């Protein structure tokens, strides 16, 4: 099963229930070489689901000492498609290696 790393709203129970139909069990991990900024969300459905107009977004710096804390989840291929539908165009899904050494998908600045 694929791994999905989240540092933002995909960690919220209400977002998981709406997006995946279940609460995802996860483990703490970190995204290496990124910092967090914010993006304004204009999609009213996403804002309604998350309860937030501004969402965190990871920007690549390439600096090993830059770390973004979050949670890594085990998901199905179908659930990845659901998460793609939830994320707005400001994000792109990329595969990366986390601080733990695990390979996971993550949504970062497009």
C-alpha atoms as a PDB file:
ATOM      1  CA  UNK A   1       0.000   0.000   0.000  1.00  0.00           C
ATOM      2  CA  UNK A   2       1.243   3.506  -0.747  1.00  0.00           C
ATOM      3  CA  UNK A   3       2.222   5.941   1.987  1.00  0.00           C
ATOM      4  CA  UNK A   4       0.891   9.503   2.104  1.00  0.00           C
ATOM      5  CA  UNK A   5       2.600  12.191   4.196  1.00  0.00           C
ATOM      6  CA  UNK A   6       0.546  15.121   5.481  1.00  0.00           C
ATOM      7  CA  UNK A   7       1.661  18.269   7.246  1.00  0.00           C
ATOM      8  CA  UNK A   8      -1.696  20.031   6.930  1.00  0.00           C
ATOM      9  CA  UNK A   9      -5.432  19.524   6.644  1.00  0.00           C
ATOM     10  CA  UNK A  10      -5.285  15.856   5.594  1.00  0.00           C
ATOM     11  CA  UNK A  11      -4.369  15.217   9.250  1.00  0.00           C
ATOM     12  CA  UNK A  12      -7.773  16.575  10.373  1.00  0.00           C
ATOM     13  CA  UNK A  13     -10.349  13.909  11.250  1.00  0.00           C
ATOM     14  CA  UNK A  14     -13.195  15.713   9.443  1.00  0.00           C
ATOM     15  CA  UNK A  15     -11.100  16.021   6.264  1.00  0.00           C
ATOM     16  CA  UNK A  16     -10.166  12.334   6.410  1.00  0.00           C
ATOM     17  CA  UNK A  17     -13.779  11.253   6.906  1.00  0.00           C
ATOM     18  CA  UNK A  18     -14.930  13.453   4.015  1.00  0.00           C
ATOM     19  CA  UNK A  19     -12.060  12.506   1.676  1.00  0.00           C
ATOM     20  CA  UNK A  20     -11.431   8.851   2.537  1.00  0.00           C
ATOM     21  CA  UNK A  21     -14.564   7.773   4.397  1.00  0.00           C
ATOM     22  CA  UNK A  22     -12.463   6.704   7.384  1.00  0.00           C
ATOM     23  CA  UNK A  23     -10.020   7.981   9.984  1.00  0.00           C
ATOM     24  CA  UNK A  24      -6.478   7.115   8.915  1.00  0.00           C
ATOM     25  CA  UNK A  25      -4.052   5.688  11.477  1.00  0.00           C
ATOM     26  CA  UNK A  26      -0.650   7.313  11.115  1.00  0.00           C
ATOM     27  CA  UNK A  27       2.831   7.792  12.488  1.00  0.00           C
ATOM     28  CA  UNK A  28       4.862  10.939  13.121  1.00  0.00           C
ATOM     29  CA  UNK A  29       7.519  11.721  10.503  1.00  0.00           C
ATOM     30  CA  UNK A  30       9.121  14.739   8.790  1.00  0.00           C
ATOM     31  CA  UNK A  31       9.485  16.061   5.261  1.00  0.00           C
ATOM     32  CA  UNK A  32      13.139  16.931   4.570  1.00  0.00           C
ATOM     33  CA  UNK A  33      14.255  19.949   2.519  1.00  0.00           C
ATOM     34  CA  UNK A  34      11.021  21.944   2.733  1.00  0.00           C
ATOM     35  CA  UNK A  35       9.570  24.874   4.679  1.00  0.00           C
ATOM     36  CA  UNK A  36       5.928  25.789   5.251  1.00  0.00           C
ATOM     37  CA  UNK A  37       4.194  28.820   3.782  1.00  0.00           C
ATOM     38  CA  UNK A  38       0.467  29.472   3.305  1.00  0.00           C
ATOM     39  CA  UNK A  39      -1.875  29.468   0.354  1.00  0.00           C
ATOM     40  CA  UNK A  40      -5.375  30.956   0.158  1.00  0.00           C
ATOM     41  CA  UNK A  41      -7.949  28.359  -0.860  1.00  0.00           C
ATOM     42  CA  UNK A  42     -10.647  29.616  -3.226  1.00  0.00           C
ATOM     43  CA  UNK A  43     -12.543  26.329  -3.590  1.00  0.00           C
ATOM     44  CA  UNK A  44     -15.592  26.672  -1.308  1.00  0.00           C
ATOM     45  CA  UNK A  45     -15.969  22.900  -0.932  1.00  0.00           C
ATOM     46  CA  UNK A  46     -12.380  22.514   0.306  1.00  0.00           C
ATOM     47  CA  UNK A  47     -12.811  25.464   2.693  1.00  0.00           C
ATOM     48  CA  UNK A  48     -16.057  23.950   3.996  1.00  0.00           C
ATOM     49  CA  UNK A  49     -14.392  20.561   4.513  1.00  0.00           C
ATOM     50  CA  UNK A  50     -11.274  21.898   6.259  1.00  0.00           C
ATOM     51  CA  UNK A  51     -12.875  24.887   7.973  1.00  0.00           C
ATOM     52  CA  UNK A  52      -9.910  26.987   6.842  1.00  0.00           C
ATOM     53  CA  UNK A  53      -9.430  29.579   4.092  1.00  0.00           C
ATOM     54  CA  UNK A  54      -5.630  29.427   4.379  1.00  0.00           C
ATOM     55  CA  UNK A  55      -3.820  26.086   4.176  1.00  0.00           C
ATOM     56  CA  UNK A  56      -0.160  25.292   4.778  1.00  0.00           C
ATOM     57  CA  UNK A  57       1.881  24.478   1.683  1.00  0.00           C
ATOM     58  CA  UNK A  58       5.397  23.006   1.576  1.00  0.00           C
ATOM     59  CA  UNK A  59       7.981  24.872  -0.496  1.00  0.00           C
ATOM     60  CA  UNK A  60      11.129  23.026  -1.557  1.00  0.00           C
ATOM     61  CA  UNK A  61      14.374  24.581  -0.321  1.00  0.00           C
ATOM     62  CA  UNK A  62      16.630  21.558  -0.804  1.00  0.00           C
ATOM     63  CA  UNK A  63      18.268  22.332   2.549  1.00  0.00           C
ATOM     64  CA  UNK A  64      18.755  19.173   4.628  1.00  0.00           C
ATOM     65  CA  UNK A  65      18.260  21.113   7.884  1.00  0.00           C
ATOM     66  CA  UNK A  66      14.773  22.295   6.805  1.00  0.00           C
ATOM     67  CA  UNK A  67      12.139  19.903   8.179  1.00  0.00           C
ATOM     68  CA  UNK A  68       8.353  19.928   8.112  1.00  0.00           C
ATOM     69  CA  UNK A  69       6.728  17.789  10.818  1.00  0.00           C
ATOM     70  CA  UNK A  70       3.626  15.787  10.013  1.00  0.00           C
ATOM     71  CA  UNK A  71       2.067  12.350   9.803  1.00  0.00           C
ATOM     72  CA  UNK A  72       2.582   9.479   7.385  1.00  0.00           C
ATOM     73  CA  UNK A  73      -0.478   7.362   6.551  1.00  0.00           C
ATOM     74  CA  UNK A  74      -0.910   4.044   4.766  1.00  0.00           C
ATOM     75  CA  UNK A  75      -3.590   4.503   2.072  1.00  0.00           C
ATOM     76  CA  UNK A  76      -4.948   2.617  -0.906  1.00  0.00           C
ATOM     77  CA  UNK A  77      -4.434   3.600  -4.543  1.00  0.00           C
ATOM     78  CA  UNK A  78      -8.115   4.608  -4.645  1.00  0.00           C
ATOM     79  CA  UNK A  79      -7.653   6.835  -1.590  1.00  0.00           C
ATOM     80  CA  UNK A  80      -4.745   8.590  -3.335  1.00  0.00           C
ATOM     81  CA  UNK A  81      -7.142   9.457  -6.161  1.00  0.00           C
ATOM     82  CA  UNK A  82      -9.581  10.875  -3.582  1.00  0.00           C
ATOM     83  CA  UNK A  83      -6.814  12.983  -2.042  1.00  0.00           C
ATOM     84  CA  UNK A  84      -5.873  14.266  -5.519  1.00  0.00           C
ATOM     85  CA  UNK A  85      -9.478  15.448  -5.916  1.00  0.00           C
ATOM     86  CA  UNK A  86      -9.367  17.215  -2.525  1.00  0.00           C
ATOM     87  CA  UNK A  87      -6.152  19.165  -3.182  1.00  0.00           C
ATOM     88  CA  UNK A  88      -6.387  22.374  -5.227  1.00  0.00           C
ATOM     89  CA  UNK A  89      -4.178  23.347  -8.195  1.00  0.00           C
ATOM     90  CA  UNK A  90      -1.667  25.130  -5.934  1.00  0.00           C
ATOM     91  CA  UNK A  91      -0.444  21.659  -4.914  1.00  0.00           C
ATOM     92  CA  UNK A  92       1.198  18.827  -6.813  1.00  0.00           C
ATOM     93  CA  UNK A  93       1.726  15.290  -5.546  1.00  0.00           C
ATOM     94  CA  UNK A  94       5.348  14.116  -5.550  1.00  0.00           C
ATOM     95  CA  UNK A  95       7.117  11.084  -4.166  1.00  0.00           C
ATOM     96  CA  UNK A  96       9.858  11.767  -1.647  1.00  0.00           C
ATOM     97  CA  UNK A  97      11.910  10.110   1.086  1.00  0.00           C
ATOM     98  CA  UNK A  98      10.953  11.190   4.591  1.00  0.00           C
ATOM     99  CA  UNK A  99      13.284  11.666   7.577  1.00  0.00           C
ATOM    100  CA  UNK A 100      12.474   8.084   8.623  1.00  0.00           C
ATOM    101  CA  UNK A 101      13.763   6.769   5.291  1.00  0.00           C
ATOM    102  CA  UNK A 102      10.249   5.794   4.156  1.00  0.00           C
ATOM    103  CA  UNK A 103       9.189   6.663   0.611  1.00  0.00           C
ATOM    104  CA  UNK A 104       5.852   8.513   0.559  1.00  0.00           C
ATOM    105  CA  UNK A 105       3.642  10.711  -1.568  1.00  0.00           C
ATOM    106  CA  UNK A 106       3.237  14.316  -0.413  1.00  0.00           C
ATOM    107  CA  UNK A 107       1.470  17.414  -1.726  1.00  0.00           C
ATOM    108  CA  UNK A 108       3.846  20.342  -2.174  1.00  0.00           C
ATOM    109  CA  UNK A 109       3.810  23.725  -3.908  1.00  0.00           C
ATOM    110  CA  UNK A 110       3.105  23.283  -7.635  1.00  0.00           C
END
